[in-house]
Amino acid sequence: MAEAHKSVVKDTVHLPNEPFTETEMLEQWLKYAQRMEDKGFRIIASLLTINDPILDGTTIIHELPNESSKIDFEKEKPEILGYLRGKLHNHDLTITVKVNETLVVKRAFTNQDKYNRLVEINPNLELLKKMFDLDV
């Protein structure tokens, strides 16, 4: 029996471990979120885009606002990992989910709030407003 075990040679599988940047990871993360949105899985798409994940080595740290969203995310995590590992060619990749109860999603509700948010993004809007004497 010992001879039979010696004759069996196990093939070691070397999975790719190519380095990647946080920008490349974010690009693939958002592409996956868009795929989920296109398929009609809006909850998982919103969980993916609620904030930008942070890359720490080969660990992606993603913060979610509550425990129930973490549970929903954990169900989808194997598919997300498979997609990212394939696209980034790195099978050492892992995802860590943190719950941050104080995470506040900023949403613009009034026209003034929306305008202020757009001015934050592009300050030239204020110039246009003054130039054409526009109201909010």
Protein backbone atom coordinates (compact mmCIF):
# COMPACT_ATOMS: atom_id res chain seq x y z
CA MET A 1 0.00 0.00 0.00
CA ALA A 2 2.88 2.36 0.77
CA GLU A 3 4.28 1.71 -2.73
CA ALA A 4 0.92 2.61 -4.28
CA HIS A 5 0.90 5.97 -2.51
CA LYS A 6 4.46 6.73 -3.57
CA SER A 7 3.63 6.20 -7.23
CA VAL A 8 0.82 8.76 -7.17
CA VAL A 9 2.25 12.12 -8.18
CA LYS A 10 0.18 15.14 -7.29
CA ASP A 11 0.23 18.00 -9.75
CA THR A 12 0.58 21.34 -8.06
CA VAL A 13 -1.57 24.01 -9.61
CA HIS A 14 0.02 27.42 -9.80
CA LEU A 15 -2.67 30.07 -9.92
CA PRO A 16 -1.68 33.50 -11.25
CA ASN A 17 -0.59 36.15 -8.74
CA GLU A 18 -0.02 39.16 -10.99
CA PRO A 19 0.28 42.53 -9.23
CA PHE A 20 -2.45 45.11 -9.79
CA THR A 21 -3.20 48.67 -8.72
CA GLU A 22 -6.09 50.06 -6.70
CA THR A 23 -7.29 51.86 -9.84
CA GLU A 24 -7.47 48.58 -11.79
CA MET A 25 -9.33 46.95 -8.90
CA LEU A 26 -11.83 49.84 -8.70
CA GLU A 27 -12.39 49.69 -12.45
CA GLN A 28 -13.24 45.97 -12.32
CA TRP A 29 -15.31 46.49 -9.15
CA LEU A 30 -17.46 49.08 -10.90
CA LYS A 31 -17.75 46.94 -14.04
CA TYR A 32 -19.07 44.09 -11.89
CA ALA A 33 -21.53 46.47 -10.22
CA GLN A 34 -22.72 47.60 -13.66
CA ARG A 35 -23.16 43.97 -14.74
CA MET A 36 -25.33 43.35 -11.68
CA GLU A 37 -27.35 46.49 -12.43
CA ASP A 38 -27.85 45.38 -16.04
CA LYS A 39 -29.03 41.94 -14.88
CA GLY A 40 -31.55 43.55 -12.53
CA PHE A 41 -29.72 42.81 -9.26
CA ARG A 42 -30.04 46.39 -8.02
CA ILE A 43 -29.50 45.62 -4.33
CA ILE A 44 -26.07 44.07 -4.84
CA ALA A 45 -25.18 46.81 -7.34
CA SER A 46 -26.03 49.48 -4.77
CA LEU A 47 -24.05 47.63 -2.08
CA LEU A 48 -21.03 47.59 -4.39
CA THR A 49 -21.29 51.30 -5.20
CA ILE A 50 -22.26 52.59 -1.73
CA ASN A 51 -18.62 53.64 -1.32
CA ASP A 52 -15.27 52.86 -2.89
CA PRO A 53 -13.43 49.87 -1.46
CA ILE A 54 -9.86 50.25 -0.21
CA LEU A 55 -7.02 48.01 -1.33
CA ASP A 56 -4.57 46.77 1.33
CA GLY A 57 -2.07 44.48 -0.38
CA THR A 58 -4.28 41.79 -1.89
CA THR A 59 -7.14 42.42 0.53
CA ILE A 60 -10.08 44.56 -0.52
CA ILE A 61 -11.71 46.31 2.44
CA HIS A 62 -15.33 47.30 1.82
CA GLU A 63 -17.40 49.24 4.35
CA LEU A 64 -21.15 48.78 4.55
CA PRO A 65 -23.65 50.80 6.62
CA ASN A 66 -25.33 47.95 8.55
CA GLU A 67 -25.32 44.25 9.37
CA SER A 68 -28.17 43.32 7.01
CA SER A 69 -26.35 44.78 4.02
CA LYS A 70 -23.28 42.80 5.09
CA ILE A 71 -25.34 39.59 5.05
CA ASP A 72 -26.60 40.37 1.54
CA PHE A 73 -23.07 41.17 0.40
CA GLU A 74 -21.62 37.98 1.91
CA LYS A 75 -24.03 35.90 -0.23
CA GLU A 76 -22.62 37.46 -3.39
CA LYS A 77 -18.99 37.52 -2.21
CA PRO A 78 -17.85 34.23 -3.86
CA GLU A 79 -19.07 35.43 -7.27
CA ILE A 80 -17.44 38.83 -6.81
CA LEU A 81 -14.16 37.20 -5.79
CA GLY A 82 -14.25 34.84 -8.76
CA TYR A 83 -14.85 37.71 -11.15
CA LEU A 84 -12.13 39.93 -9.66
CA ARG A 85 -9.58 37.12 -9.41
CA GLY A 86 -10.13 36.27 -13.06
CA LYS A 87 -10.03 39.85 -14.34
CA LEU A 88 -7.07 40.95 -12.20
CA HIS A 89 -5.18 37.64 -12.65
CA ASN A 90 -4.49 37.34 -8.93
CA HIS A 91 -5.89 34.42 -6.93
CA ASP A 92 -4.51 35.68 -3.59
CA LEU A 93 -7.24 38.33 -3.60
CA THR A 94 -9.63 38.43 -0.62
CA ILE A 95 -12.48 40.70 0.45
CA THR A 96 -13.02 41.89 4.01
CA VAL A 97 -16.35 43.48 4.89
CA LYS A 98 -16.57 46.01 7.72
CA VAL A 99 -19.79 47.38 9.14
CA ASN A 100 -19.63 51.10 9.84
CA GLU A 101 -22.89 52.19 11.47
CA THR A 102 -21.82 55.83 11.20
CA LEU A 103 -21.40 55.63 7.42
CA VAL A 104 -23.66 58.31 5.99
CA VAL A 105 -24.63 58.21 2.36
CA LYS A 106 -24.78 61.79 1.15
CA ARG A 107 -27.84 62.44 -0.97
CA ALA A 108 -29.02 65.72 -2.40
CA PHE A 109 -32.69 66.35 -1.67
CA THR A 110 -33.50 69.95 -2.49
CA ASN A 111 -32.59 71.89 -5.62
CA GLN A 112 -30.12 73.96 -3.60
CA ASP A 113 -28.50 70.78 -2.22
CA LYS A 114 -28.21 69.38 -5.73
CA TYR A 115 -26.74 72.63 -7.01
CA ASN A 116 -24.22 72.79 -4.15
CA ARG A 117 -23.15 69.22 -4.89
CA LEU A 118 -22.68 70.01 -8.59
CA VAL A 119 -20.65 73.12 -7.70
CA GLU A 120 -18.41 70.91 -5.54
CA ILE A 121 -17.81 68.72 -8.57
CA ASN A 122 -17.43 71.59 -11.05
CA PRO A 123 -16.87 75.11 -9.63
CA ASN A 124 -17.40 76.62 -13.10
CA LEU A 125 -21.16 76.24 -12.57
CA GLU A 126 -21.05 79.17 -10.15
CA LEU A 127 -19.45 81.28 -12.87
CA LEU A 128 -22.17 80.28 -15.35
CA LYS A 129 -24.88 81.07 -12.81
CA LYS A 130 -23.49 84.58 -12.27
CA MET A 131 -22.77 85.19 -15.95
CA PHE A 132 -26.31 84.35 -17.09
CA ASP A 133 -28.02 85.56 -13.88
CA LEU A 134 -29.64 82.18 -13.26
CA ASP A 135 -31.71 81.02 -10.30
CA VAL A 136 -31.36 77.71 -8.50
